[in-house]
């Protein structure tokens, strides 16, 4: 459930508010979904974990795609985020999202990064 809220927040930050920055730290417990709202975002049975700005993700431009992946051995949850200059990997299994690192583009900056998980 954390994946959906984190990714929805990323989408809101990058697509609808291109100049927006993270609004500050989220409480360590996150914000629960109450009456279909969590931290000002619409929700349905998911809690708000946190958000990272484009610069915190390592993007020099837009953020354009994101997918979640859960490690089947450890249960840790990750967000894979398409950036104009590569892909960011974010650990979302704890109480706040943590960028683990980036895989730079091999081809050049692009507005299209199609992320898929298996």
N, C-alpha and C. Protein backbone atom coordinates (compact mmCIF):
# COMPACT_ATOMS: atom_id res chain seq x y z
N UNK A 1 0.81 -1.20 0.00
CA UNK A 1 0.00 0.00 0.00
C UNK A 1 0.85 1.26 0.00
N UNK A 2 2.04 1.22 0.60
CA UNK A 2 2.91 2.39 0.62
C UNK A 2 3.28 2.80 -0.80
N UNK A 3 3.48 1.81 -1.66
CA UNK A 3 3.91 2.10 -3.02
C UNK A 3 2.92 3.02 -3.71
N UNK A 4 1.65 2.72 -3.61
CA UNK A 4 0.64 3.50 -4.33
C UNK A 4 0.63 4.95 -3.89
N UNK A 5 0.70 5.21 -2.61
CA UNK A 5 0.65 6.59 -2.14
C UNK A 5 1.92 7.33 -2.49
N UNK A 6 3.08 6.70 -2.33
CA UNK A 6 4.33 7.36 -2.68
C UNK A 6 4.35 7.71 -4.16
N UNK A 7 3.95 6.76 -5.01
CA UNK A 7 3.98 6.98 -6.44
C UNK A 7 2.96 8.03 -6.85
N UNK A 8 1.79 8.02 -6.25
CA UNK A 8 0.79 9.03 -6.57
C UNK A 8 1.29 10.42 -6.18
N UNK A 9 2.00 10.51 -5.08
CA UNK A 9 2.55 11.79 -4.65
C UNK A 9 3.62 12.25 -5.62
N UNK A 10 4.48 11.32 -6.07
CA UNK A 10 5.49 11.66 -7.06
C UNK A 10 4.84 12.21 -8.31
N UNK A 11 3.79 11.55 -8.76
CA UNK A 11 3.11 11.98 -9.95
C UNK A 11 2.53 13.38 -9.76
N UNK A 12 1.93 13.62 -8.63
CA UNK A 12 1.35 14.93 -8.35
C UNK A 12 2.42 16.01 -8.33
N UNK A 13 3.56 15.70 -7.73
CA UNK A 13 4.64 16.68 -7.66
C UNK A 13 5.24 16.97 -9.02
N UNK A 14 5.45 15.95 -9.82
CA UNK A 14 6.17 16.15 -11.06
C UNK A 14 5.29 16.56 -12.23
N UNK A 15 4.09 16.04 -12.31
CA UNK A 15 3.28 16.28 -13.49
C UNK A 15 2.37 17.49 -13.37
N UNK A 16 1.75 17.66 -12.24
CA UNK A 16 0.78 18.72 -12.10
C UNK A 16 1.36 19.98 -11.49
N UNK A 17 2.48 19.87 -10.83
CA UNK A 17 3.11 21.04 -10.22
C UNK A 17 4.60 21.00 -10.52
N UNK A 18 5.00 21.31 -11.76
CA UNK A 18 6.38 21.11 -12.16
C UNK A 18 7.40 21.91 -11.37
N UNK A 19 7.01 22.97 -10.72
CA UNK A 19 7.95 23.75 -9.94
C UNK A 19 7.82 23.50 -8.44
N UNK A 20 7.02 22.49 -8.08
CA UNK A 20 6.78 22.22 -6.67
C UNK A 20 7.98 21.53 -6.04
N UNK A 21 8.17 21.75 -4.78
CA UNK A 21 9.20 21.07 -4.01
C UNK A 21 8.51 20.32 -2.89
N UNK A 22 9.23 19.40 -2.27
CA UNK A 22 8.67 18.68 -1.13
C UNK A 22 8.28 19.70 -0.07
N UNK A 23 7.19 19.42 0.63
CA UNK A 23 6.67 20.39 1.58
C UNK A 23 7.27 20.24 2.97
N UNK A 24 8.19 19.35 3.14
CA UNK A 24 8.82 19.18 4.44
C UNK A 24 8.68 17.76 4.93
N UNK A 25 9.27 17.48 6.07
CA UNK A 25 9.23 16.11 6.57
C UNK A 25 7.83 15.66 6.94
N UNK A 26 7.59 14.40 6.72
CA UNK A 26 6.32 13.78 7.09
C UNK A 26 6.53 13.12 8.44
N UNK A 27 5.56 13.12 9.32
CA UNK A 27 5.74 12.44 10.60
C UNK A 27 6.23 11.01 10.40
N UNK A 28 7.05 10.51 11.30
CA UNK A 28 7.66 9.19 11.14
C UNK A 28 6.62 8.09 11.01
N UNK A 29 5.43 8.31 11.48
CA UNK A 29 4.37 7.31 11.36
C UNK A 29 3.58 7.46 10.08
N UNK A 30 3.85 8.47 9.27
CA UNK A 30 3.07 8.73 8.07
C UNK A 30 1.76 9.40 8.44
N UNK A 31 0.90 9.57 7.45
CA UNK A 31 -0.40 10.17 7.68
C UNK A 31 -1.46 9.19 7.21
N UNK A 32 -2.34 8.77 8.12
CA UNK A 32 -3.35 7.79 7.73
C UNK A 32 -4.39 8.36 6.79
N UNK A 33 -4.97 7.50 5.99
CA UNK A 33 -6.08 7.86 5.10
C UNK A 33 -7.35 7.94 5.94
N UNK A 34 -7.91 9.15 6.05
CA UNK A 34 -9.13 9.37 6.82
C UNK A 34 -10.11 10.12 5.92
N UNK A 35 -11.30 9.59 5.78
CA UNK A 35 -12.32 10.20 4.92
C UNK A 35 -11.80 10.43 3.51
N UNK A 36 -11.03 9.46 3.02
CA UNK A 36 -10.48 9.48 1.65
C UNK A 36 -9.48 10.59 1.39
N UNK A 37 -8.80 11.08 2.44
CA UNK A 37 -7.75 12.08 2.29
C UNK A 37 -6.60 11.73 3.23
N UNK A 38 -5.37 11.78 2.70
CA UNK A 38 -4.16 11.60 3.51
C UNK A 38 -3.17 12.68 3.12
N UNK A 39 -2.81 13.54 4.04
CA UNK A 39 -1.85 14.63 3.82
C UNK A 39 -2.27 15.51 2.64
N UNK A 40 -3.57 15.70 2.46
CA UNK A 40 -4.05 16.56 1.40
C UNK A 40 -4.23 15.87 0.05
N UNK A 41 -3.90 14.60 -0.04
CA UNK A 41 -4.04 13.84 -1.28
C UNK A 41 -5.21 12.88 -1.17
N UNK A 42 -5.94 12.66 -2.28
CA UNK A 42 -7.02 11.68 -2.24
C UNK A 42 -6.46 10.28 -2.02
N UNK A 43 -7.19 9.44 -1.30
CA UNK A 43 -6.73 8.08 -1.02
C UNK A 43 -7.93 7.17 -0.84
N UNK A 44 -7.65 5.89 -0.92
CA UNK A 44 -8.66 4.88 -0.66
C UNK A 44 -7.97 3.67 -0.04
N UNK A 45 -8.03 3.57 1.26
CA UNK A 45 -7.43 2.47 2.01
C UNK A 45 -5.91 2.40 1.92
N UNK A 46 -5.26 3.53 1.69
CA UNK A 46 -3.79 3.59 1.73
C UNK A 46 -3.39 4.79 2.57
N UNK A 47 -2.25 4.72 3.21
CA UNK A 47 -1.74 5.83 4.02
C UNK A 47 -0.63 6.55 3.28
N UNK A 48 -0.44 7.83 3.60
CA UNK A 48 0.60 8.65 2.99
C UNK A 48 1.92 8.39 3.71
N UNK A 49 2.95 8.04 2.96
CA UNK A 49 4.26 7.79 3.55
C UNK A 49 5.14 9.02 3.49
N UNK A 50 5.24 9.64 2.33
CA UNK A 50 6.10 10.80 2.19
C UNK A 50 6.27 11.16 0.73
N UNK A 51 7.13 12.12 0.48
CA UNK A 51 7.38 12.55 -0.89
C UNK A 51 8.81 13.03 -1.02
N UNK A 52 9.32 12.96 -2.23
CA UNK A 52 10.64 13.46 -2.56
C UNK A 52 10.50 14.40 -3.75
N UNK A 53 11.20 15.51 -3.72
CA UNK A 53 11.15 16.43 -4.85
C UNK A 53 11.97 15.86 -6.01
N UNK A 54 11.82 16.47 -7.16
CA UNK A 54 12.61 16.04 -8.32
C UNK A 54 14.10 16.13 -8.02
N UNK A 55 14.53 17.20 -7.39
CA UNK A 55 15.96 17.34 -7.10
C UNK A 55 16.41 16.30 -6.08
N UNK A 56 15.57 15.96 -5.12
CA UNK A 56 15.93 14.92 -4.16
C UNK A 56 16.05 13.56 -4.83
N UNK A 57 15.33 13.36 -5.92
CA UNK A 57 15.41 12.11 -6.68
C UNK A 57 16.62 12.09 -7.62
N UNK A 58 17.23 13.25 -7.85
CA UNK A 58 18.38 13.32 -8.74
C UNK A 58 18.04 13.73 -10.15
N UNK A 59 16.80 14.16 -10.39
CA UNK A 59 16.40 14.59 -11.73
C UNK A 59 16.91 15.99 -12.01
N UNK A 60 17.29 16.24 -13.26
CA UNK A 60 17.65 17.59 -13.68
C UNK A 60 16.50 18.21 -14.48
N UNK A 61 15.43 17.47 -14.65
CA UNK A 61 14.25 17.93 -15.39
C UNK A 61 13.02 17.24 -14.84
N UNK A 62 12.28 16.60 -15.73
CA UNK A 62 11.00 16.02 -15.33
C UNK A 62 11.15 14.62 -14.74
N UNK A 63 10.09 14.21 -14.04
CA UNK A 63 9.90 12.84 -13.56
C UNK A 63 8.71 12.32 -14.34
N UNK A 64 8.84 11.14 -14.98
CA UNK A 64 7.79 10.78 -15.92
C UNK A 64 7.17 9.41 -15.77
N UNK A 65 7.68 8.53 -14.96
CA UNK A 65 7.08 7.21 -14.80
C UNK A 65 7.55 6.64 -13.48
N UNK A 66 6.72 5.83 -12.86
CA UNK A 66 7.14 5.19 -11.62
C UNK A 66 6.41 3.87 -11.44
N UNK A 67 7.14 2.93 -10.91
CA UNK A 67 6.59 1.60 -10.63
C UNK A 67 7.08 1.15 -9.28
N UNK A 68 6.32 0.29 -8.66
CA UNK A 68 6.71 -0.29 -7.39
C UNK A 68 7.16 -1.73 -7.55
N UNK A 69 8.01 -2.16 -6.67
CA UNK A 69 8.47 -3.55 -6.66
C UNK A 69 8.68 -3.97 -5.22
N UNK A 70 8.25 -5.18 -4.89
CA UNK A 70 8.45 -5.74 -3.56
C UNK A 70 9.39 -6.92 -3.67
N UNK A 71 10.47 -6.91 -2.90
CA UNK A 71 11.42 -8.02 -2.88
C UNK A 71 10.73 -9.24 -2.30
N UNK A 72 10.62 -10.33 -3.05
CA UNK A 72 9.89 -11.50 -2.55
C UNK A 72 10.58 -12.19 -1.39
N UNK A 73 11.88 -11.98 -1.21
CA UNK A 73 12.60 -12.62 -0.12
C UNK A 73 12.54 -11.83 1.18
N UNK A 74 12.59 -10.51 1.08
CA UNK A 74 12.64 -9.68 2.30
C UNK A 74 11.34 -8.93 2.57
N UNK A 75 10.50 -8.78 1.55
CA UNK A 75 9.28 -8.00 1.71
C UNK A 75 9.50 -6.50 1.63
N UNK A 76 10.75 -6.06 1.40
CA UNK A 76 11.03 -4.63 1.28
C UNK A 76 10.39 -4.09 0.01
N UNK A 77 9.88 -2.86 0.11
CA UNK A 77 9.21 -2.23 -1.02
C UNK A 77 10.09 -1.12 -1.61
N UNK A 78 10.08 -1.06 -2.93
CA UNK A 78 10.90 -0.08 -3.64
C UNK A 78 10.06 0.63 -4.69
N UNK A 79 10.41 1.88 -4.96
CA UNK A 79 9.85 2.63 -6.07
C UNK A 79 10.96 2.84 -7.09
N UNK A 80 10.66 2.55 -8.34
CA UNK A 80 11.58 2.81 -9.46
C UNK A 80 10.99 3.97 -10.22
N UNK A 81 11.76 5.05 -10.33
CA UNK A 81 11.21 6.31 -10.83
C UNK A 81 11.97 6.75 -12.08
N UNK A 82 11.25 6.92 -13.19
CA UNK A 82 11.86 7.40 -14.43
C UNK A 82 12.11 8.89 -14.35
N UNK A 83 13.35 9.27 -14.60
CA UNK A 83 13.76 10.67 -14.59
C UNK A 83 14.20 11.05 -16.00
N UNK A 84 14.30 12.33 -16.28
CA UNK A 84 14.77 12.74 -17.59
C UNK A 84 16.21 12.27 -17.83
N UNK A 85 16.98 12.06 -16.77
CA UNK A 85 18.40 11.72 -16.90
C UNK A 85 18.73 10.32 -16.38
N UNK A 86 17.74 9.46 -16.23
CA UNK A 86 17.99 8.09 -15.78
C UNK A 86 16.85 7.54 -14.95
N UNK A 87 17.19 6.68 -14.01
CA UNK A 87 16.20 6.04 -13.14
C UNK A 87 16.65 6.15 -11.70
N UNK A 88 15.74 6.52 -10.80
CA UNK A 88 16.03 6.58 -9.37
C UNK A 88 15.43 5.35 -8.70
N UNK A 89 16.11 4.86 -7.68
CA UNK A 89 15.65 3.73 -6.89
C UNK A 89 15.43 4.22 -5.47
N UNK A 90 14.20 4.04 -4.96
CA UNK A 90 13.82 4.58 -3.66
C UNK A 90 13.31 3.45 -2.78
N UNK A 91 13.87 3.32 -1.58
CA UNK A 91 13.40 2.35 -0.59
C UNK A 91 12.21 2.99 0.12
N UNK A 92 11.05 2.36 -0.01
CA UNK A 92 9.85 2.89 0.64
C UNK A 92 9.32 1.91 1.68
N UNK A 93 10.20 1.03 2.17
CA UNK A 93 9.76 0.03 3.13
C UNK A 93 9.80 0.54 4.57
N UNK A 94 10.43 1.66 4.81
CA UNK A 94 10.51 2.21 6.16
C UNK A 94 9.45 3.28 6.40
N UNK A 95 9.72 4.14 7.35
CA UNK A 95 8.74 5.18 7.70
C UNK A 95 8.86 6.42 6.82
N UNK A 96 9.97 6.59 6.12
CA UNK A 96 10.13 7.70 5.18
C UNK A 96 10.86 7.17 3.94
N UNK A 97 10.57 7.70 2.76
CA UNK A 97 11.24 7.24 1.55
C UNK A 97 12.72 7.64 1.55
N UNK A 98 13.57 6.72 1.08
CA UNK A 98 15.01 6.96 1.04
C UNK A 98 15.52 6.64 -0.36
N UNK A 99 16.08 7.63 -1.04
CA UNK A 99 16.67 7.38 -2.36
C UNK A 99 17.95 6.57 -2.16
N UNK A 100 18.00 5.42 -2.81
CA UNK A 100 19.17 4.55 -2.70
C UNK A 100 20.23 4.91 -3.72
N UNK A 101 19.82 5.37 -4.87
CA UNK A 101 20.78 5.73 -5.90
C UNK A 101 20.09 5.90 -7.23
N UNK A 102 20.91 6.17 -8.24
CA UNK A 102 20.39 6.41 -9.58
C UNK A 102 21.19 5.59 -10.59
N UNK A 103 20.51 5.19 -11.65
CA UNK A 103 21.14 4.57 -12.81
C UNK A 103 21.07 5.62 -13.91
N UNK A 104 22.22 6.20 -14.28
CA UNK A 104 22.19 7.26 -15.30
C UNK A 104 21.77 6.71 -16.67
N UNK A 105 21.23 7.59 -17.49
CA UNK A 105 20.85 7.20 -18.84
C UNK A 105 22.07 6.79 -19.64
N UNK A 106 21.87 5.86 -20.54
CA UNK A 106 22.93 5.43 -21.45
C UNK A 106 22.81 6.15 -22.79
N UNK A 107 21.62 6.66 -23.07
CA UNK A 107 21.35 7.21 -24.39
C UNK A 107 21.30 8.74 -24.45
N UNK A 108 21.02 9.39 -23.38
CA UNK A 108 20.85 10.85 -23.37
C UNK A 108 19.57 11.22 -22.65
N UNK A 109 19.44 12.46 -22.28
CA UNK A 109 18.25 12.91 -21.56
C UNK A 109 17.00 12.71 -22.41
N UNK A 110 15.90 12.36 -21.73
CA UNK A 110 14.66 12.06 -22.44
C UNK A 110 13.47 12.40 -21.54
N UNK A 111 12.37 12.74 -22.16
CA UNK A 111 11.14 12.97 -21.40
C UNK A 111 10.37 11.67 -21.24
N UNK A 112 10.88 10.57 -21.75
CA UNK A 112 10.17 9.30 -21.71
C UNK A 112 11.07 8.21 -21.14
N UNK A 113 10.75 7.71 -19.97
CA UNK A 113 11.39 6.54 -19.37
C UNK A 113 10.28 5.59 -19.01
N UNK A 114 10.22 4.47 -19.67
CA UNK A 114 9.16 3.51 -19.41
C UNK A 114 9.69 2.46 -18.45
N UNK A 115 9.19 2.46 -17.23
CA UNK A 115 9.65 1.54 -16.18
C UNK A 115 8.67 0.38 -16.09
N UNK A 116 9.18 -0.82 -16.02
CA UNK A 116 8.36 -2.00 -15.80
C UNK A 116 9.07 -2.91 -14.80
N UNK A 117 8.29 -3.64 -14.04
CA UNK A 117 8.86 -4.62 -13.10
C UNK A 117 8.25 -5.98 -13.41
N UNK A 118 8.96 -7.01 -13.00
CA UNK A 118 8.47 -8.38 -13.24
C UNK A 118 8.48 -9.15 -11.96
